[in-house]
């Protein structure tokens, strides 16, 4: 049993020396090295509890794993047989528990990085500069309104899709196979999907660039390189949400931290220090907003129309949407509130709108999916962006 007791003490000495060293007249590093290098001693340790004989161990890593395994098995017996060392055992027991906890946390973190993290809900409704797109209940993408760059002409071979995102004049959709297809304006190669992209779970189309979250939780972007908006920060890590603005990009990490990069002319990529933990993020041309875990909205960036001035009487909300100069939110009771630029009536919520499931905002128009999955739009209609196809029913998650 003294051999096993020395073995337990060696665990605590792996990290740092302690009063135990003087108590036994041994130096921690010497004791640790002795156990690791003494094959005979390792075999005796392994056989101490059940009388098993093991093959000689020569690898240091195997020895450390063996030490930890045996310690857990014989801890109760050590405490019983070495009761005379009452001053030492509580300290050693505490160190062993701490090590086990650290190992568990490390393993959990490793497993979490392998998960397809929960990301923003699949977008069934998305508004571009002067046009509208939606996914029908059958999974078919439909677009209408301004068609200057063929952005409303859905590819015939697109097939069934689960999510869609509209930029200024281009669209991208995620198929049921988690593949990406884009169409419309390609002046900055924002619709040229990288050949090594792989499978994705979330997508966001901006002014002249596109970003996705892969099924591994990694962010990838392509399109214009202005202001470095498509260059992902090396330390970004795993993300759960990404949103593309005018010439900047923002991402929400799995820890709830917001990171933005790109153009800072209007402070749109300068994340407030007091932001706290966020659960979702949205961007527009030059302003951004987050929904915190407490259900509150915080905005920053361009405020020429008061779009970042969150109403003081706004209750907790469940989702947000940003247009070029206005902001909208779906409150917890399912009703909608908008503020900011109202030059085309885009913040004037129809009084009979009722409860909605989700909301989206374009340059100067706004649309919402109602409780019965119909689509209601308001604001500028100069190019037919409010003209919802008759009988359209939008898909729901």
Protein backbone atom coordinates (compact mmCIF):
# COMPACT_ATOMS: atom_id res chain seq x y z
CA UNK A 1 0.00 0.00 0.00
CA UNK A 2 2.86 2.52 0.58
CA UNK A 3 3.68 2.20 -3.13
CA UNK A 4 0.12 3.10 -4.09
CA UNK A 5 0.13 5.99 -1.64
CA UNK A 6 3.28 7.39 -3.23
CA UNK A 7 1.61 6.96 -6.60
CA UNK A 8 -1.38 9.07 -5.52
CA UNK A 9 0.94 11.76 -4.25
CA UNK A 10 2.69 11.88 -7.62
CA UNK A 11 -0.52 13.05 -9.27
CA UNK A 12 -0.52 16.22 -7.25
CA UNK A 13 3.15 16.77 -8.01
CA UNK A 14 2.59 16.83 -11.78
CA UNK A 15 1.36 20.41 -11.56
CA UNK A 16 3.36 21.98 -8.74
CA UNK A 17 5.31 21.23 -5.54
CA UNK A 18 3.46 21.22 -2.21
CA UNK A 19 4.06 20.87 1.54
CA UNK A 20 3.86 17.12 1.02
CA UNK A 21 7.37 17.20 -0.46
CA UNK A 22 8.90 18.22 2.87
CA UNK A 23 6.62 15.94 4.79
CA UNK A 24 8.06 12.86 3.10
CA UNK A 25 11.47 14.33 2.42
CA UNK A 26 11.00 13.89 -1.34
CA UNK A 27 11.11 16.31 -4.22
CA UNK A 28 7.98 16.18 -6.38
CA UNK A 29 9.68 16.10 -9.76
CA UNK A 30 12.00 13.30 -8.66
CA UNK A 31 9.12 11.24 -7.35
CA UNK A 32 7.12 11.74 -10.55
CA UNK A 33 10.07 10.77 -12.75
CA UNK A 34 10.78 7.69 -10.63
CA UNK A 35 7.25 6.39 -11.09
CA UNK A 36 7.17 7.14 -14.80
CA UNK A 37 10.51 5.44 -15.47
CA UNK A 38 10.14 2.45 -13.18
CA UNK A 39 8.31 -0.22 -15.17
CA UNK A 40 8.31 -2.61 -12.24
CA UNK A 41 6.71 -0.02 -10.00
CA UNK A 42 4.02 0.72 -12.58
CA UNK A 43 3.18 -2.97 -12.82
CA UNK A 44 2.88 -3.21 -9.06
CA UNK A 45 0.58 -0.20 -8.98
CA UNK A 46 -1.69 -1.74 -11.59
CA UNK A 47 -1.78 -5.06 -9.76
CA UNK A 48 -2.32 -3.56 -6.29
CA UNK A 49 -6.11 -3.62 -6.29
CA UNK A 50 -7.03 -6.80 -8.16
CA UNK A 51 -3.76 -8.71 -8.47
CA UNK A 52 -3.61 -8.25 -12.24
CA UNK A 53 -0.31 -8.38 -14.09
CA UNK A 54 0.20 -6.03 -17.01
CA UNK A 55 2.68 -5.83 -19.83
CA UNK A 56 5.66 -3.48 -19.32
CA UNK A 57 4.79 0.14 -20.03
CA UNK A 58 7.30 2.29 -21.81
CA UNK A 59 5.25 5.24 -23.05
CA UNK A 60 4.97 8.24 -20.73
CA UNK A 61 1.42 9.03 -21.87
CA UNK A 62 0.25 5.49 -21.10
CA UNK A 63 1.82 5.73 -17.65
CA UNK A 64 -0.01 8.95 -16.82
CA UNK A 65 -3.35 7.52 -17.97
CA UNK A 66 -2.68 4.40 -15.88
CA UNK A 67 -1.88 6.50 -12.83
CA UNK A 68 -5.19 8.33 -13.04
CA UNK A 69 -7.23 5.18 -13.63
CA UNK A 70 -5.71 3.28 -10.70
CA UNK A 71 -6.01 6.28 -8.39
CA UNK A 72 -9.77 6.42 -8.89
CA UNK A 73 -10.13 2.68 -8.21
CA UNK A 74 -8.08 2.53 -5.02
CA UNK A 75 -8.84 5.92 -3.49
CA UNK A 76 -11.27 4.51 -0.92
CA UNK A 77 -8.83 1.80 0.10
CA UNK A 78 -5.99 4.30 0.42
CA UNK A 79 -8.01 6.50 2.75
CA UNK A 80 -8.88 3.51 4.90
CA UNK A 81 -5.39 1.97 5.09
CA UNK A 82 -3.50 5.23 5.45
CA UNK A 83 -5.66 6.86 8.08
CA UNK A 84 -2.52 7.93 9.92
CA UNK A 85 -1.89 10.43 7.11
CA UNK A 86 -5.05 12.43 7.80
CA UNK A 87 -3.20 15.66 7.19
CA UNK A 88 -2.31 14.60 3.67
CA UNK A 89 -5.27 12.62 2.34
CA UNK A 90 -7.82 15.51 2.15
CA UNK A 91 -5.36 17.56 0.11
CA UNK A 92 -4.61 14.67 -2.27
CA UNK A 93 -8.31 13.85 -2.62
CA UNK A 94 -9.10 17.46 -3.48
CA UNK A 95 -6.34 17.53 -6.11
CA UNK A 96 -7.64 14.32 -7.68
CA UNK A 97 -11.19 15.73 -7.85
CA UNK A 98 -9.90 18.94 -9.40
CA UNK A 99 -7.99 17.00 -12.05
CA UNK A 100 -11.07 14.90 -12.88
CA UNK A 101 -13.16 18.05 -13.24
CA UNK A 102 -10.58 19.65 -15.53
CA UNK A 103 -10.46 16.52 -17.69
CA UNK A 104 -14.24 16.47 -17.97
CA UNK A 105 -14.45 20.14 -18.96
CA UNK A 106 -11.72 19.70 -21.55
CA UNK A 107 -13.51 16.71 -23.06
CA UNK A 108 -16.83 18.58 -23.18
CA UNK A 109 -15.20 21.54 -24.94
CA UNK A 110 -13.63 19.23 -27.51
CA UNK A 111 -16.97 17.58 -28.17
CA UNK A 112 -18.78 20.91 -28.49
CA UNK A 113 -16.46 22.09 -31.25
CA UNK A 114 -17.55 19.07 -33.30
CA UNK A 115 -21.27 19.87 -33.07
CA UNK A 116 -23.24 21.55 -35.82
CA UNK A 117 -24.06 24.50 -33.57
CA UNK A 118 -27.52 25.86 -33.36
CA UNK A 119 -27.63 28.80 -35.73
CA UNK A 120 -30.16 31.42 -36.73
CA UNK A 121 -33.41 29.97 -37.97
CA UNK A 122 -33.65 29.14 -41.64
CA UNK A 123 -34.76 32.28 -43.46
CA UNK A 124 -38.05 31.75 -45.24
CA UNK A 125 -38.42 35.46 -46.03
CA UNK A 126 -35.71 37.84 -47.22
CA UNK A 127 -35.81 41.34 -48.68
CA UNK A 128 -33.25 42.83 -51.03
CA UNK A 129 -32.76 46.43 -52.08
CA UNK A 130 -36.02 46.82 -54.00
CA UNK A 131 -37.35 43.28 -54.21
CA UNK A 132 -38.75 40.46 -52.07
CA UNK A 133 -38.05 36.71 -51.86
CA UNK A 134 -39.81 33.97 -49.94
CA UNK A 135 -39.87 30.19 -49.72
CA UNK A 136 -43.28 28.66 -50.23
CA UNK A 137 -44.79 25.94 -48.09
CA UNK A 138 -43.65 23.51 -50.81
CA UNK A 139 -40.03 24.64 -50.48
CA UNK A 140 -39.95 26.64 -53.72
CA UNK A 141 -38.14 30.00 -53.82
CA UNK A 142 -40.08 32.90 -55.35
CA UNK A 143 -38.90 36.49 -55.89
CA UNK A 144 -40.57 39.65 -57.21
CA UNK A 145 -39.89 43.37 -57.59
CA UNK A 146 -36.83 45.13 -59.08
CA UNK A 147 -35.01 42.89 -61.56
CA UNK A 148 -32.06 44.97 -62.74
CA UNK A 149 -29.49 42.18 -62.21
CA UNK A 150 -31.79 39.16 -62.70
CA UNK A 151 -31.99 38.82 -58.92
CA UNK A 152 -35.68 37.93 -59.03
CA UNK A 153 -35.26 35.26 -61.72
CA UNK A 154 -34.97 32.10 -59.66
CA UNK A 155 -32.83 29.43 -61.41
CA UNK A 156 -35.00 26.71 -62.92
CA UNK A 157 -32.78 23.99 -61.46
CA UNK A 158 -32.74 25.38 -57.93
CA UNK A 159 -35.06 22.72 -56.57
CA UNK A 160 -36.30 22.55 -52.99
CA UNK A 161 -34.60 24.95 -50.59
CA UNK A 162 -34.66 25.44 -46.84
CA UNK A 163 -33.24 28.96 -46.50
CA UNK A 164 -32.79 32.10 -48.60
CA UNK A 165 -30.88 35.35 -48.16
CA UNK A 166 -31.10 38.51 -50.27
CA UNK A 167 -28.34 41.05 -50.71
CA UNK A 168 -28.58 44.36 -52.51
CA UNK A 169 -29.01 42.71 -55.90
CA UNK A 170 -28.14 39.04 -55.48
CA UNK A 171 -29.65 36.04 -53.70
CA UNK A 172 -28.31 32.81 -52.26
CA UNK A 173 -30.22 29.76 -51.08
CA UNK A 174 -29.41 26.60 -49.15
CA UNK A 175 -30.81 23.40 -50.63
CA UNK A 176 -32.11 20.48 -48.62
CA UNK A 177 -28.70 18.84 -49.22
CA UNK A 178 -27.02 21.79 -47.44
CA UNK A 179 -25.49 23.06 -50.67
CA UNK A 180 -25.43 26.71 -51.77
CA UNK A 181 -26.74 28.23 -54.99
CA UNK A 182 -26.58 31.95 -55.82
CA UNK A 183 -27.88 34.18 -58.62
CA UNK A 184 -28.17 37.85 -59.59
CA UNK A 185 -25.50 40.55 -59.54
CA UNK A 186 -21.98 39.13 -59.73
CA UNK A 187 -19.93 42.30 -60.17
CA UNK A 188 -17.69 41.34 -57.22
CA UNK A 189 -18.02 37.56 -57.71
CA UNK A 190 -20.44 37.41 -54.81
CA UNK A 191 -22.38 34.62 -56.52
CA UNK A 192 -19.27 32.56 -57.40
CA UNK A 193 -19.49 29.80 -54.82
CA UNK A 194 -16.06 28.51 -53.73
CA UNK A 195 -15.39 25.00 -55.02
CA UNK A 196 -14.22 23.85 -51.59
CA UNK A 197 -17.13 25.32 -49.66
CA UNK A 198 -18.64 22.03 -48.55
CA UNK A 199 -21.93 21.82 -46.69
CA UNK A 200 -23.48 24.84 -44.98
CA UNK A 201 -26.20 25.48 -42.43
CA UNK A 202 -26.63 29.27 -42.60
CA UNK A 203 -26.08 31.99 -45.21
CA UNK A 204 -26.12 35.78 -45.48
CA UNK A 205 -25.95 37.90 -48.64
CA UNK A 206 -24.70 41.49 -48.34
CA UNK A 207 -24.10 44.39 -50.67
CA UNK A 208 -21.33 42.78 -52.74
CA UNK A 209 -20.32 39.78 -50.66
CA UNK A 210 -21.70 36.54 -49.26
CA UNK A 211 -20.93 34.65 -46.05
CA UNK A 212 -21.93 31.23 -44.71
CA UNK A 213 -21.57 29.07 -41.65
CA UNK A 214 -20.48 25.55 -42.52
CA UNK A 215 -21.86 22.46 -40.83
CA UNK A 216 -18.68 22.48 -38.72
CA UNK A 217 -19.49 25.96 -37.42
CA UNK A 218 -16.81 27.77 -39.42
CA UNK A 219 -17.42 31.10 -41.17
CA UNK A 220 -16.49 31.54 -44.83
CA UNK A 221 -16.98 34.58 -47.06
CA UNK A 222 -16.43 35.55 -50.70
CA UNK A 223 -17.06 38.51 -53.00
CA UNK A 224 -15.61 42.00 -52.71
CA UNK A 225 -12.38 42.35 -50.74
CA UNK A 226 -12.97 46.02 -49.89
CA UNK A 227 -12.21 46.85 -46.23
CA UNK A 228 -11.24 43.20 -45.72
CA UNK A 229 -14.86 42.18 -45.21
CA UNK A 230 -14.38 38.68 -46.63
CA UNK A 231 -11.26 37.99 -44.56
CA UNK A 232 -12.34 35.97 -41.55
CA UNK A 233 -10.47 36.84 -38.32
CA UNK A 234 -8.08 34.00 -37.49
CA UNK A 235 -9.26 33.87 -33.88
CA UNK A 236 -12.98 33.97 -34.65
CA UNK A 237 -13.58 30.34 -33.76
CA UNK A 238 -16.93 28.56 -33.98
CA UNK A 239 -19.89 30.79 -34.81
CA UNK A 240 -23.63 30.33 -34.55
CA UNK A 241 -24.76 33.29 -36.64
CA UNK A 242 -23.32 35.57 -39.33
CA UNK A 243 -24.71 38.70 -40.96
CA UNK A 244 -23.42 40.74 -43.89
CA UNK A 245 -23.93 44.48 -44.08
CA UNK A 246 -22.84 47.05 -46.65
CA UNK A 247 -19.06 46.85 -46.42
CA UNK A 248 -18.74 45.06 -43.12
CA UNK A 249 -19.54 41.68 -41.59
CA UNK A 250 -20.61 40.60 -38.11
CA UNK A 251 -20.62 37.19 -36.49
CA UNK A 252 -21.98 35.79 -33.25
CA UNK A 253 -19.72 33.21 -31.60
CA UNK A 254 -20.95 30.22 -29.66
CA UNK A 255 -20.04 32.06 -26.47
CA UNK A 256 -22.52 34.83 -27.35
CA UNK A 257 -19.81 37.33 -28.27
CA UNK A 258 -20.25 39.63 -31.28
CA UNK A 259 -17.35 40.25 -33.64
CA UNK A 260 -17.48 42.70 -36.56
CA UNK A 261 -14.91 43.67 -39.19
CA UNK A 262 -14.75 45.90 -42.26
CA UNK A 263 -15.75 49.52 -42.85
CA UNK A 264 -15.77 51.70 -39.71
CA UNK A 265 -16.75 55.02 -41.28
CA UNK A 266 -20.05 55.11 -39.41
CA UNK A 267 -18.92 52.90 -36.53
CA UNK A 268 -20.95 50.04 -37.98
CA UNK A 269 -18.19 47.51 -37.26
CA UNK A 270 -17.25 48.94 -33.85
CA UNK A 271 -19.02 46.65 -31.39
CA UNK A 272 -20.02 48.45 -28.16
CA UNK A 273 -17.99 47.30 -25.15
CA UNK A 274 -21.08 47.03 -22.94
CA UNK A 275 -22.97 44.84 -25.39
CA UNK A 276 -23.13 41.78 -23.15
CA UNK A 277 -24.16 38.32 -24.33
CA UNK A 278 -26.18 38.16 -27.55
CA UNK A 279 -28.48 35.51 -28.96
CA UNK A 280 -28.87 36.90 -32.51
CA UNK A 281 -27.49 39.63 -34.73
CA UNK A 282 -28.71 41.60 -37.75
CA UNK A 283 -26.98 44.08 -40.05
CA UNK A 284 -28.06 46.59 -42.66
CA UNK A 285 -26.15 48.92 -44.94
CA UNK A 286 -24.48 50.90 -42.15
CA UNK A 287 -26.05 49.91 -38.83
CA UNK A 288 -26.23 46.76 -36.76
CA UNK A 289 -28.34 45.45 -33.89
CA UNK A 290 -28.27 42.48 -31.57
CA UNK A 291 -30.89 40.76 -29.50
CA UNK A 292 -29.43 40.01 -26.07
CA UNK A 293 -30.17 36.91 -24.03
CA UNK A 294 -32.41 39.12 -21.89
CA UNK A 295 -34.60 39.87 -24.92
CA UNK A 296 -33.39 43.46 -25.29
CA UNK A 297 -32.16 45.20 -28.42
CA UNK A 298 -28.91 47.13 -28.70
CA UNK A 299 -27.92 48.95 -31.90
CA UNK A 300 -24.97 50.94 -33.21
CA UNK A 301 -23.68 52.56 -36.41
CA UNK A 302 -25.44 54.98 -38.76
CA UNK A 303 -28.22 56.81 -36.94
CA UNK A 304 -29.20 59.50 -39.42
CA UNK A 305 -32.83 58.40 -39.28
CA UNK A 306 -32.91 57.30 -35.65
CA UNK A 307 -32.65 53.64 -36.68
CA UNK A 308 -30.36 52.80 -33.76
CA UNK A 309 -32.50 54.64 -31.20
CA UNK A 310 -34.35 51.72 -29.65
CA UNK A 311 -37.68 52.96 -28.25
CA UNK A 312 -37.52 53.27 -24.49
CA UNK A 313 -40.92 51.61 -24.08
CA UNK A 314 -40.05 48.60 -26.24
CA UNK A 315 -40.79 45.39 -24.40
CA UNK A 316 -38.71 42.24 -24.69
CA UNK A 317 -38.58 40.93 -28.23
CA UNK A 318 -38.03 37.63 -30.01
CA UNK A 319 -36.54 38.74 -33.36
CA UNK A 320 -35.23 41.79 -35.22
CA UNK A 321 -34.88 42.93 -38.84
CA UNK A 322 -32.92 45.84 -40.32
CA UNK A 323 -33.54 47.88 -43.45
CA UNK A 324 -31.26 50.51 -44.89
CA UNK A 325 -32.54 53.25 -42.59
CA UNK A 326 -35.07 51.53 -40.37
CA UNK A 327 -35.31 48.79 -37.75
CA UNK A 328 -38.16 46.44 -36.83
CA UNK A 329 -38.77 43.97 -34.04
CA UNK A 330 -41.23 41.21 -33.27
CA UNK A 331 -42.21 41.52 -29.62
CA UNK A 332 -42.80 38.52 -27.39
CA UNK A 333 -46.54 38.87 -27.89
CA UNK A 334 -46.08 38.50 -31.66
CA UNK A 335 -46.82 42.11 -32.56
CA UNK A 336 -44.47 44.31 -34.60
CA UNK A 337 -42.83 47.63 -33.84
CA UNK A 338 -40.64 49.61 -36.28
CA UNK A 339 -38.65 52.86 -36.07
CA UNK A 340 -36.26 54.95 -38.13
CA UNK A 341 -36.72 56.21 -41.70
CA UNK A 342 -40.40 56.33 -42.66
CA UNK A 343 -40.15 58.29 -45.90
CA UNK A 344 -42.00 55.52 -47.75
CA UNK A 345 -44.12 54.24 -44.89
CA UNK A 346 -41.73 51.36 -44.16
CA UNK A 347 -42.05 51.77 -40.39
CA UNK A 348 -45.81 52.30 -40.45
CA UNK A 349 -47.01 48.89 -39.32
CA UNK A 350 -50.51 48.08 -40.67
CA UNK A 351 -52.97 48.34 -37.76
CA UNK A 352 -54.64 45.07 -38.74
CA UNK A 353 -51.41 43.09 -39.12
CA UNK A 354 -52.02 40.96 -36.06
CA UNK A 355 -49.64 38.31 -34.74
CA UNK A 356 -46.63 37.49 -36.91
CA UNK A 357 -44.12 34.66 -37.02
CA UNK A 358 -41.18 36.58 -38.44
CA UNK A 359 -40.23 39.83 -40.15
CA UNK A 360 -37.76 41.09 -42.77
CA UNK A 361 -36.75 44.55 -43.99
CA UNK A 362 -35.44 45.82 -47.32
CA UNK A 363 -34.11 49.18 -48.47
CA UNK A 364 -37.41 50.96 -47.88
CA UNK A 365 -40.03 48.27 -47.46
CA UNK A 366 -40.95 45.72 -44.79
CA UNK A 367 -42.69 42.32 -44.87
CA UNK A 368 -43.93 39.92 -42.21
CA UNK A 369 -45.16 36.33 -42.14
CA UNK A 370 -48.48 36.29 -40.33
CA UNK A 371 -49.83 33.63 -37.99
CA UNK A 372 -51.58 31.84 -40.89
CA UNK A 373 -48.36 31.84 -42.99
CA UNK A 374 -49.55 34.55 -45.38
CA UNK A 375 -47.26 37.43 -46.31
CA UNK A 376 -48.00 41.08 -45.60
CA UNK A 377 -45.78 43.90 -46.90
CA UNK A 378 -45.74 47.71 -46.58
CA UNK A 379 -43.56 50.65 -47.61
CA UNK A 380 -42.23 51.58 -51.08
CA UNK A 381 -43.90 49.75 -53.98
CA UNK A 382 -42.46 51.60 -56.98
CA UNK A 383 -41.20 48.41 -58.61
CA UNK A 384 -43.76 45.93 -57.26
CA UNK A 385 -41.79 44.72 -54.25
CA UNK A 386 -45.00 44.68 -52.17
CA UNK A 387 -47.03 42.72 -54.71
CA UNK A 388 -47.18 39.32 -53.03
CA UNK A 389 -48.16 36.55 -55.48
CA UNK A 390 -51.76 35.54 -55.01
CA UNK A 391 -52.29 32.53 -52.79
CA UNK A 392 -48.69 32.45 -51.58
CA UNK A 393 -48.17 30.57 -48.32
CA UNK A 394 -44.74 30.89 -46.76
CA UNK A 395 -42.93 27.90 -45.30
CA UNK A 396 -42.40 27.73 -41.54
CA UNK A 397 -39.76 25.93 -39.48
